[in-house]
Amino acid sequence: MSIKIVFEFLGITGSLIICGSVIPQVIRTYNTKSAHDLSIIYLMTLMTGLILLTAYSVYVRDLVFIFGNVLSLLSIGILIGLWKRYYYNDLHIKIKR
């Protein structure tokens, strides 16, 4: 087995772990229907960084990083969508109290 294949496997595995790390937060936000604990500034900063990294990955034609960054963009995009959906609902509940 060549060293290139080993390092590509490591890169893909690392990308999957990073992408998978957001899944528990997506599930929790969806199940609780609450985005109270999510920081939109953090999510938008992360999304901006991922967009820039994806553009760079495409430029250098690194398929491992393109794959990982696109998966991360999708998962963070889902969290931002859940934040938009549930954050104002959280505010509405607080106002009623």
Foldseek 3Di string as FASTA:
>chain_A
DDPVVVVLVVLLVVLVVVLVVLVVVLVVCVVVLAPPPPDVVVLVVVLVVLVVQLVVCVVVVPVSSVVSSVSNNVSSVSSVVSCVRRVVVVVVVVVVD
